[in-house]
Protein backbone atom coordinates (compact mmCIF):
# COMPACT_ATOMS: atom_id res chain seq x y z
CA MET A 1 7.67 5.30 22.10
CA TYR A 2 7.19 7.26 18.89
CA MET A 3 5.60 6.22 15.58
CA ILE A 4 3.33 3.45 16.79
CA PRO A 5 -0.14 3.43 15.20
CA TYR A 6 -2.45 5.90 16.91
CA THR A 7 -5.47 4.73 18.87
CA THR A 8 -7.86 6.81 20.92
CA SER A 9 -7.42 4.67 24.04
CA ARG A 10 -3.74 5.38 24.70
CA ARG A 11 -2.40 4.83 28.18
CA SER A 12 0.09 7.06 29.92
CA SER A 13 2.09 4.15 31.34
CA SER A 14 4.99 2.88 29.28
CA SER A 15 5.82 -0.52 30.77
CA LEU A 16 6.91 -3.31 28.47
CA MET A 17 3.55 -5.09 28.87
CA ASP A 18 1.66 -1.89 28.00
CA LEU A 19 3.73 -1.51 24.84
CA PHE A 20 3.00 -5.15 23.93
CA ASP A 21 -0.73 -4.61 24.58
CA GLU A 22 -0.67 -1.47 22.40
CA PHE A 23 1.08 -3.40 19.63
CA GLU A 24 -1.45 -6.25 19.84
CA ARG A 25 -4.38 -3.79 19.65
CA SER A 26 -2.81 -2.08 16.63
CA VAL A 27 -2.52 -5.42 14.82
CA PHE A 28 -5.67 -7.21 15.95
CA GLY A 29 -7.96 -4.28 16.81
CA GLU A 30 -9.86 -3.48 19.96
CA ASN A 31 -12.65 -6.03 19.44
CA GLY A 32 -10.92 -9.25 18.51
CA ARG A 33 -8.34 -10.39 16.09
CA ARG A 34 -8.72 -8.68 12.79
CA THR A 35 -6.25 -7.51 10.18
CA PRO A 36 -5.58 -3.76 9.99
CA ALA A 37 -6.93 -1.83 7.00
CA PHE A 38 -3.56 -2.08 5.26
CA SER A 39 -0.13 -3.26 6.32
CA THR A 40 2.50 -0.78 7.44
CA ASP A 41 6.13 -1.10 8.40
CA ILE A 42 7.91 1.64 10.35
CA ARG A 43 11.71 1.68 10.53
CA ASP A 44 13.98 3.93 12.55
CA GLU A 45 16.54 5.24 10.06
CA GLY A 46 18.46 7.40 12.54
CA ALA A 47 17.53 10.99 11.68
CA HIS A 48 14.06 9.96 10.44
CA TYR A 49 11.47 7.20 10.45
CA LEU A 50 10.49 5.45 7.23
CA LEU A 51 6.84 4.42 7.08
CA GLN A 52 5.92 2.00 4.28
CA ALA A 53 2.24 1.25 3.66
CA GLU A 54 1.14 -1.46 1.24
CA LEU A 55 -1.69 -0.15 -0.94
CA PRO A 56 -1.77 -2.41 -4.02
CA GLY A 57 -4.36 -1.59 -6.66
CA PHE A 58 -4.60 2.07 -5.67
CA SER A 59 -3.43 4.94 -7.82
CA LYS A 60 -1.64 7.95 -6.33
CA GLU A 61 -4.84 9.99 -6.77
CA ASP A 62 -6.78 7.50 -4.59
CA ILE A 63 -4.56 8.22 -1.56
CA ASP A 64 -5.00 11.14 0.86
CA LEU A 65 -2.52 12.15 3.56
CA ASP A 66 -3.73 14.50 6.26
CA VAL A 67 -1.95 15.93 9.31
CA LYS A 68 -4.11 17.49 12.02
CA ASP A 69 -3.45 18.03 15.72
CA GLY A 70 -0.30 15.88 15.67
CA ILE A 71 -2.00 12.92 13.98
CA LEU A 72 -1.15 11.63 10.49
CA THR A 73 -4.09 9.97 8.73
CA ILE A 74 -3.60 7.87 5.61
CA SER A 75 -6.83 7.30 3.65
CA ALA A 76 -7.23 5.35 0.43
CA THR A 77 -10.43 4.97 -1.59
CA HIS A 78 -10.74 2.83 -4.70
CA GLU A 79 -13.66 2.21 -7.01
CA GLN A 80 -13.50 0.02 -10.08
CA SER A 81 -16.26 -1.35 -12.27
CA GLU A 82 -16.08 -3.51 -15.38
CA GLU A 83 -18.77 -4.69 -17.72
CA GLN A 84 -18.27 -7.62 -20.07
CA LYS A 85 -20.84 -8.66 -22.65
CA LYS A 86 -20.66 -12.14 -24.12
CA ASP A 87 -23.43 -14.26 -25.78
CA ASN A 88 -26.40 -12.27 -24.39
CA TYR A 89 -24.92 -12.52 -20.92
CA ILE A 90 -23.72 -9.47 -19.04
CA CYS A 91 -21.15 -10.01 -16.34
CA ARG A 92 -20.57 -7.05 -14.07
CA GLU A 93 -17.84 -6.94 -11.51
CA ARG A 94 -17.33 -4.10 -9.07
CA ARG A 95 -14.76 -3.54 -6.43
CA TYR A 96 -14.85 -0.72 -3.91
CA GLY A 97 -12.70 -0.18 -0.90
CA SER A 98 -11.98 2.56 1.56
CA PHE A 99 -9.23 2.24 4.15
CA GLN A 100 -7.88 4.55 6.81
CA ARG A 101 -5.16 4.42 9.48
CA SER A 102 -3.82 7.08 11.82
CA PHE A 103 -0.41 7.55 13.43
CA ASN A 104 0.81 9.78 16.26
CA LEU A 105 3.41 12.32 15.07
CA GLU A 106 4.87 13.10 18.48
CA GLY A 107 8.56 13.89 18.01
CA ILE A 108 8.21 14.43 14.23
CA GLN A 109 8.90 17.62 12.23
CA GLU A 110 5.47 17.71 10.58
CA ASP A 111 6.40 20.38 8.01
CA GLN A 112 9.30 18.24 6.70
CA ILE A 113 7.34 15.02 5.93
CA CYS A 114 7.90 13.71 2.38
CA ALA A 115 5.85 11.05 0.56
CA SER A 116 6.22 8.92 -2.56
CA TYR A 117 4.14 6.13 -4.08
CA GLN A 118 5.50 3.43 -6.38
CA ASN A 119 4.46 -0.14 -7.23
CA GLY A 120 1.67 -0.22 -4.62
CA VAL A 121 3.86 0.97 -1.74
CA LEU A 122 3.44 4.38 -0.11
CA GLU A 123 6.63 5.62 1.56
CA LEU A 124 6.72 8.49 4.01
CA THR A 125 9.93 9.97 5.36
CA LEU A 126 9.20 11.35 8.82
CA PRO A 127 12.11 13.49 10.10
CA LYS A 128 12.65 13.37 13.84
CA ARG A 129 12.40 16.61 15.75
CA GLN A 130 15.85 17.60 16.95
CA GLU A 131 16.35 17.76 20.69
CA VAL A 132 16.95 21.30 21.86
CA LEU A 133 20.07 21.36 23.99
CA PRO A 134 20.44 23.95 26.74
CA GLN A 135 22.93 26.63 25.86
CA SER A 136 25.38 28.23 28.22
CA ARG A 137 26.91 31.65 28.02
CA LYS A 138 29.41 33.66 29.99
CA ILE A 139 28.20 36.65 31.95
CA ALA A 140 30.63 39.51 32.27
CA ILE A 141 31.07 41.02 35.72
CA SER A 142 31.15 44.82 35.74
């Protein structure tokens, strides 16, 4: 199965229960039930997959997309600090976050991936690699 979140403990078996276990680990993590760094939806659109990642509060410059050894890694880092002074009281609020998720690109044309970011949603178009069909040819007899 293509385009499921990448984990380092992948199994070679592909039974229905293994796929369910892989899905559960991707959602709840290896060590208990915890929410992933950010939510993603992956849809099969026929000729390509559409990956949508929710990254509210991030600017486009905060997001990094990296492809290495067949793995897509989405990283987002955000730092914000505010200082408000009122009646000799200083209120300081800071927010910092760094998130990262990786996905296996098996069956994807890596050089054709396109990305856009709008209204807190990162969208990646991941074109499927076309299956190479065997070709036949006639051989002339001399």
